[in-house]
Amino acid sequence: MKELIIAFGLFLFIEGILYAIFPSKMKNMLKKLNEVSDNQLRYGGLTFAIIGFLIIWYMKQ
């Protein structure tokens, strides 16, 4: 459970740094999300989730 909280904190830290350093680029990126189809977002999210799971699984071995 401790690792999950640390991972969530790291996610928030990285996300916050991106918005602090590149605010206009982040706004543009969010606007472009409307142009992406739901299926592309779904497959992209699933791909990143699988990659993340594999990284965690490999590091825990």
PDB file of N, CA and C in Angstrom:
ATOM      1  N   MET A   1       0.828  -1.195   0.000  1.00  0.00           N
ATOM      2  CA  MET A   1       0.000   0.000   0.000  1.00  0.00           C
ATOM      3  C   MET A   1       0.870   1.256   0.000  1.00  0.00           C
ATOM      4  N   LYS A   2       1.993   1.176   0.713  1.00  0.00           N
ATOM      5  CA  LYS A   2       2.897   2.320   0.776  1.00  0.00           C
ATOM      6  C   LYS A   2       3.428   2.660  -0.615  1.00  0.00           C
ATOM      7  N   GLU A   3       3.771   1.621  -1.410  1.00  0.00           N
ATOM      8  CA  GLU A   3       4.274   1.847  -2.755  1.00  0.00           C
ATOM      9  C   GLU A   3       3.225   2.515  -3.647  1.00  0.00           C
ATOM     10  N   LEU A   4       1.962   2.146  -3.460  1.00  0.00           N
ATOM     11  CA  LEU A   4       0.891   2.748  -4.244  1.00  0.00           C
ATOM     12  C   LEU A   4       0.761   4.237  -3.945  1.00  0.00           C
ATOM     13  N   ILE A   5       0.859   4.604  -2.700  1.00  0.00           N
ATOM     14  CA  ILE A   5       0.781   6.014  -2.312  1.00  0.00           C
ATOM     15  C   ILE A   5       1.987   6.772  -2.858  1.00  0.00           C
ATOM     16  N   ILE A   6       3.165   6.164  -2.809  1.00  0.00           N
ATOM     17  CA  ILE A   6       4.362   6.791  -3.359  1.00  0.00           C
ATOM     18  C   ILE A   6       4.213   6.971  -4.873  1.00  0.00           C
ATOM     19  N   ALA A   7       3.700   5.958  -5.556  1.00  0.00           N
ATOM     20  CA  ALA A   7       3.506   6.041  -7.009  1.00  0.00           C
ATOM     21  C   ALA A   7       2.507   7.144  -7.360  1.00  0.00           C
ATOM     22  N   PHE A   8       1.449   7.262  -6.601  1.00  0.00           N
ATOM     23  CA  PHE A   8       0.461   8.309  -6.846  1.00  0.00           C
ATOM     24  C   PHE A   8       1.075   9.685  -6.613  1.00  0.00           C
ATOM     25  N   GLY A   9       1.869   9.813  -5.574  1.00  0.00           N
ATOM     26  CA  GLY A   9       2.561  11.068  -5.308  1.00  0.00           C
ATOM     27  C   GLY A   9       3.528  11.421  -6.423  1.00  0.00           C
ATOM     28  N   LEU A  10       4.235  10.443  -6.941  1.00  0.00           N
ATOM     29  CA  LEU A  10       5.153  10.669  -8.056  1.00  0.00           C
ATOM     30  C   LEU A  10       4.394  11.101  -9.306  1.00  0.00           C
ATOM     31  N   PHE A  11       3.261  10.471  -9.561  1.00  0.00           N
ATOM     32  CA  PHE A  11       2.416  10.870 -10.688  1.00  0.00           C
ATOM     33  C   PHE A  11       1.985  12.330 -10.559  1.00  0.00           C
ATOM     34  N   LEU A  12       1.513  12.716  -9.383  1.00  0.00           N
ATOM     35  CA  LEU A  12       1.080  14.098  -9.171  1.00  0.00           C
ATOM     36  C   LEU A  12       2.241  15.075  -9.306  1.00  0.00           C
ATOM     37  N   PHE A  13       3.406  14.680  -8.811  1.00  0.00           N
ATOM     38  CA  PHE A  13       4.589  15.529  -8.907  1.00  0.00           C
ATOM     39  C   PHE A  13       4.963  15.781 -10.368  1.00  0.00           C
ATOM     40  N   ILE A  14       5.048  14.712 -11.144  1.00  0.00           N
ATOM     41  CA  ILE A  14       5.432  14.851 -12.550  1.00  0.00           C
ATOM     42  C   ILE A  14       4.392  15.657 -13.312  1.00  0.00           C
ATOM     43  N   GLU A  15       3.132  15.368 -13.090  1.00  0.00           N
ATOM     44  CA  GLU A  15       2.057  16.113 -13.755  1.00  0.00           C
ATOM     45  C   GLU A  15       2.115  17.591 -13.380  1.00  0.00           C
ATOM     46  N   GLY A  16       2.322  17.892 -12.117  1.00  0.00           N
ATOM     47  CA  GLY A  16       2.401  19.272 -11.669  1.00  0.00           C
ATOM     48  C   GLY A  16       3.581  20.017 -12.267  1.00  0.00           C
ATOM     49  N   ILE A  17       4.726  19.343 -12.345  1.00  0.00           N
ATOM     50  CA  ILE A  17       5.914  19.961 -12.937  1.00  0.00           C
ATOM     51  C   ILE A  17       5.663  20.295 -14.403  1.00  0.00           C
ATOM     52  N   LEU A  18       5.020  19.388 -15.131  1.00  0.00           N
ATOM     53  CA  LEU A  18       4.734  19.651 -16.546  1.00  0.00           C
ATOM     54  C   LEU A  18       3.857  20.880 -16.715  1.00  0.00           C
ATOM     55  N   TYR A  19       2.821  21.008 -15.892  1.00  0.00           N
ATOM     56  CA  TYR A  19       1.940  22.181 -15.979  1.00  0.00           C
ATOM     57  C   TYR A  19       2.659  23.451 -15.543  1.00  0.00           C
ATOM     58  N   ALA A  20       3.571  23.347 -14.589  1.00  0.00           N
ATOM     59  CA  ALA A  20       4.292  24.530 -14.111  1.00  0.00           C
ATOM     60  C   ALA A  20       5.317  25.014 -15.137  1.00  0.00           C
ATOM     61  N   ILE A  21       5.998  24.089 -15.807  1.00  0.00           N
ATOM     62  CA  ILE A  21       7.054  24.468 -16.746  1.00  0.00           C
ATOM     63  C   ILE A  21       6.495  24.791 -18.134  1.00  0.00           C
ATOM     64  N   PHE A  22       5.505  24.045 -18.589  1.00  0.00           N
ATOM     65  CA  PHE A  22       4.970  24.192 -19.947  1.00  0.00           C
ATOM     66  C   PHE A  22       3.460  24.441 -19.939  1.00  0.00           C
ATOM     67  N   PRO A  23       2.962  25.518 -19.322  1.00  0.00           N
ATOM     68  CA  PRO A  23       1.507  25.696 -19.232  1.00  0.00           C
ATOM     69  C   PRO A  23       0.821  25.829 -20.591  1.00  0.00           C
ATOM     70  N   SER A  24       1.394  26.588 -21.518  1.00  0.00           N
ATOM     71  CA  SER A  24       0.722  26.782 -22.815  1.00  0.00           C
ATOM     72  C   SER A  24       0.741  25.500 -23.642  1.00  0.00           C
ATOM     73  N   LYS A  25       1.830  24.737 -23.578  1.00  0.00           N
ATOM     74  CA  LYS A  25       1.891  23.479 -24.328  1.00  0.00           C
ATOM     75  C   LYS A  25       0.911  22.456 -23.760  1.00  0.00           C
ATOM     76  N   MET A  26       0.744  22.457 -22.444  1.00  0.00           N
ATOM     77  CA  MET A  26      -0.216  21.537 -21.839  1.00  0.00           C
ATOM     78  C   MET A  26      -1.648  21.896 -22.233  1.00  0.00           C
ATOM     79  N   LYS A  27      -1.941  23.193 -22.305  1.00  0.00           N
ATOM     80  CA  LYS A  27      -3.273  23.617 -22.761  1.00  0.00           C
ATOM     81  C   LYS A  27      -3.526  23.152 -24.188  1.00  0.00           C
ATOM     82  N   ASN A  28      -2.533  23.337 -25.056  1.00  0.00           N
ATOM     83  CA  ASN A  28      -2.683  22.898 -26.447  1.00  0.00           C
ATOM     84  C   ASN A  28      -2.874  21.399 -26.536  1.00  0.00           C
ATOM     85  N   MET A  29      -2.145  20.658 -25.722  1.00  0.00           N
ATOM     86  CA  MET A  29      -2.277  19.208 -25.734  1.00  0.00           C
ATOM     87  C   MET A  29      -3.690  18.785 -25.313  1.00  0.00           C
ATOM     88  N   LEU A  30      -4.222  19.447 -24.285  1.00  0.00           N
ATOM     89  CA  LEU A  30      -5.571  19.105 -23.823  1.00  0.00           C
ATOM     90  C   LEU A  30      -6.620  19.448 -24.866  1.00  0.00           C
ATOM     91  N   LYS A  31      -6.415  20.540 -25.604  1.00  0.00           N
ATOM     92  CA  LYS A  31      -7.356  20.896 -26.680  1.00  0.00           C
ATOM     93  C   LYS A  31      -7.340  19.846 -27.784  1.00  0.00           C
ATOM     94  N   LYS A  32      -6.180  19.296 -28.073  1.00  0.00           N
ATOM     95  CA  LYS A  32      -6.061  18.294 -29.135  1.00  0.00           C
ATOM     96  C   LYS A  32      -6.714  16.970 -28.764  1.00  0.00           C
ATOM     97  N   LEU A  33      -6.966  16.749 -27.481  1.00  0.00           N
ATOM     98  CA  LEU A  33      -7.634  15.506 -27.072  1.00  0.00           C
ATOM     99  C   LEU A  33      -9.030  15.388 -27.671  1.00  0.00           C
ATOM    100  N   ASN A  34      -9.680  16.524 -27.935  1.00  0.00           N
ATOM    101  CA  ASN A  34     -11.014  16.495 -28.551  1.00  0.00           C
ATOM    102  C   ASN A  34     -10.973  15.942 -29.965  1.00  0.00           C
ATOM    103  N   GLU A  35      -9.821  16.038 -30.617  1.00  0.00           N
ATOM    104  CA  GLU A  35      -9.689  15.558 -31.994  1.00  0.00           C
ATOM    105  C   GLU A  35      -9.421  14.055 -32.069  1.00  0.00           C
ATOM    106  N   VAL A  36      -9.048  13.454 -30.959  1.00  0.00           N
ATOM    107  CA  VAL A  36      -8.713  12.034 -30.926  1.00  0.00           C
ATOM    108  C   VAL A  36      -9.978  11.228 -30.665  1.00  0.00           C
ATOM    109  N   SER A  37     -10.128  10.144 -31.406  1.00  0.00           N
ATOM    110  CA  SER A  37     -11.328   9.321 -31.235  1.00  0.00           C
ATOM    111  C   SER A  37     -11.282   8.564 -29.909  1.00  0.00           C
ATOM    112  N   ASP A  38     -12.446   8.137 -29.462  1.00  0.00           N
ATOM    113  CA  ASP A  38     -12.540   7.382 -28.209  1.00  0.00           C
ATOM    114  C   ASP A  38     -11.745   6.082 -28.283  1.00  0.00           C
ATOM    115  N   ASN A  39     -11.812   5.415 -29.434  1.00  0.00           N
ATOM    116  CA  ASN A  39     -11.077   4.152 -29.572  1.00  0.00           C
ATOM    117  C   ASN A  39      -9.576   4.364 -29.486  1.00  0.00           C
ATOM    118  N   GLN A  40      -9.059   5.444 -30.082  1.00  0.00           N
ATOM    119  CA  GLN A  40      -7.627   5.725 -29.993  1.00  0.00           C
ATOM    120  C   GLN A  40      -7.223   5.976 -28.543  1.00  0.00           C
ATOM    121  N   LEU A  41      -8.035   6.736 -27.812  1.00  0.00           N
ATOM    122  CA  LEU A  41      -7.737   6.983 -26.404  1.00  0.00           C
ATOM    123  C   LEU A  41      -7.803   5.696 -25.597  1.00  0.00           C
ATOM    124  N   ARG A  42      -8.796   4.873 -25.886  1.00  0.00           N
ATOM    125  CA  ARG A  42      -8.954   3.609 -25.163  1.00  0.00           C
ATOM    126  C   ARG A  42      -7.755   2.700 -25.391  1.00  0.00           C
ATOM    127  N   TYR A  43      -7.348   2.525 -26.653  1.00  0.00           N
ATOM    128  CA  TYR A  43      -6.213   1.649 -26.954  1.00  0.00           C
ATOM    129  C   TYR A  43      -4.903   2.226 -26.428  1.00  0.00           C
ATOM    130  N   GLY A  44      -4.752   3.533 -26.509  1.00  0.00           N
ATOM    131  CA  GLY A  44      -3.553   4.162 -25.966  1.00  0.00           C
ATOM    132  C   GLY A  44      -3.476   3.989 -24.462  1.00  0.00           C
ATOM    133  N   GLY A  45      -4.599   4.208 -23.784  1.00  0.00           N
ATOM    134  CA  GLY A  45      -4.641   4.029 -22.334  1.00  0.00           C
ATOM    135  C   GLY A  45      -4.372   2.595 -21.933  1.00  0.00           C
ATOM    136  N   LEU A  46      -4.954   1.667 -22.660  1.00  0.00           N
ATOM    137  CA  LEU A  46      -4.742   0.250 -22.365  1.00  0.00           C
ATOM    138  C   LEU A  46      -3.276  -0.132 -22.590  1.00  0.00           C
ATOM    139  N   THR A  47      -2.682   0.392 -23.654  1.00  0.00           N
ATOM    140  CA  THR A  47      -1.270   0.119 -23.939  1.00  0.00           C
ATOM    141  C   THR A  47      -0.380   0.623 -22.810  1.00  0.00           C
ATOM    142  N   PHE A  48      -0.609   1.872 -22.373  1.00  0.00           N
ATOM    143  CA  PHE A  48       0.197   2.421 -21.293  1.00  0.00           C
ATOM    144  C   PHE A  48      -0.039   1.684 -19.981  1.00  0.00           C
ATOM    145  N   ALA A  49      -1.269   1.251 -19.740  1.00  0.00           N
ATOM    146  CA  ALA A  49      -1.557   0.488 -18.521  1.00  0.00           C
ATOM    147  C   ALA A  49      -0.800  -0.838 -18.531  1.00  0.00           C
ATOM    148  N   ILE A  50      -0.763  -1.510 -19.670  1.00  0.00           N
ATOM    149  CA  ILE A  50      -0.052  -2.787 -19.768  1.00  0.00           C
ATOM    150  C   ILE A  50       1.452  -2.578 -19.599  1.00  0.00           C
ATOM    151  N   ILE A  51       1.987  -1.532 -20.251  1.00  0.00           N
ATOM    152  CA  ILE A  51       3.418  -1.243 -20.106  1.00  0.00           C
ATOM    153  C   ILE A  51       3.743  -0.937 -18.645  1.00  0.00           C
ATOM    154  N   GLY A  52       2.917  -0.130 -17.997  1.00  0.00           N
ATOM    155  CA  GLY A  52       3.124   0.187 -16.586  1.00  0.00           C
ATOM    156  C   GLY A  52       3.068  -1.043 -15.710  1.00  0.00           C
ATOM    157  N   PHE A  53       2.097  -1.912 -15.977  1.00  0.00           N
ATOM    158  CA  PHE A  53       1.986  -3.155 -15.215  1.00  0.00           C
ATOM    159  C   PHE A  53       3.228  -4.014 -15.390  1.00  0.00           C
ATOM    160  N   LEU A  54       3.710  -4.132 -16.625  1.00  0.00           N
ATOM    161  CA  LEU A  54       4.893  -4.949 -16.883  1.00  0.00           C
ATOM    162  C   LEU A  54       6.135  -4.382 -16.194  1.00  0.00           C
ATOM    163  N   ILE A  55       6.265  -3.068 -16.175  1.00  0.00           N
ATOM    164  CA  ILE A  55       7.393  -2.443 -15.480  1.00  0.00           C
ATOM    165  C   ILE A  55       7.326  -2.748 -13.988  1.00  0.00           C
ATOM    166  N   ILE A  56       6.147  -2.589 -13.406  1.00  0.00           N
ATOM    167  CA  ILE A  56       5.974  -2.863 -11.975  1.00  0.00           C
ATOM    168  C   ILE A  56       6.245  -4.335 -11.689  1.00  0.00           C
ATOM    169  N   TRP A  57       5.693  -5.211 -12.507  1.00  0.00           N
ATOM    170  CA  TRP A  57       5.886  -6.649 -12.312  1.00  0.00           C
ATOM    171  C   TRP A  57       7.358  -7.028 -12.405  1.00  0.00           C
ATOM    172  N   TYR A  58       8.064  -6.452 -13.381  1.00  0.00           N
ATOM    173  CA  TYR A  58       9.482  -6.752 -13.546  1.00  0.00           C
ATOM    174  C   TYR A  58      10.295  -6.236 -12.360  1.00  0.00           C
ATOM    175  N   MET A  59       9.990  -5.052 -11.889  1.00  0.00           N
ATOM    176  CA  MET A  59      10.751  -4.461 -10.794  1.00  0.00           C
ATOM    177  C   MET A  59      10.478  -5.165  -9.462  1.00  0.00           C
ATOM    178  N   LYS A  60       9.322  -5.761  -9.292  1.00  0.00           N
ATOM    179  CA  LYS A  60       8.978  -6.452  -8.046  1.00  0.00           C
ATOM    180  C   LYS A  60       9.572  -7.846  -7.966  1.00  0.00           C
ATOM    181  N   GLN A  61      10.059  -8.390  -9.082  1.00  0.00           N
ATOM    182  CA  GLN A  61      10.621  -9.752  -9.062  1.00  0.00           C
ATOM    183  C   GLN A  61      11.954  -9.787  -8.404  1.00  0.00           C
TER     184      GLN A  61
END
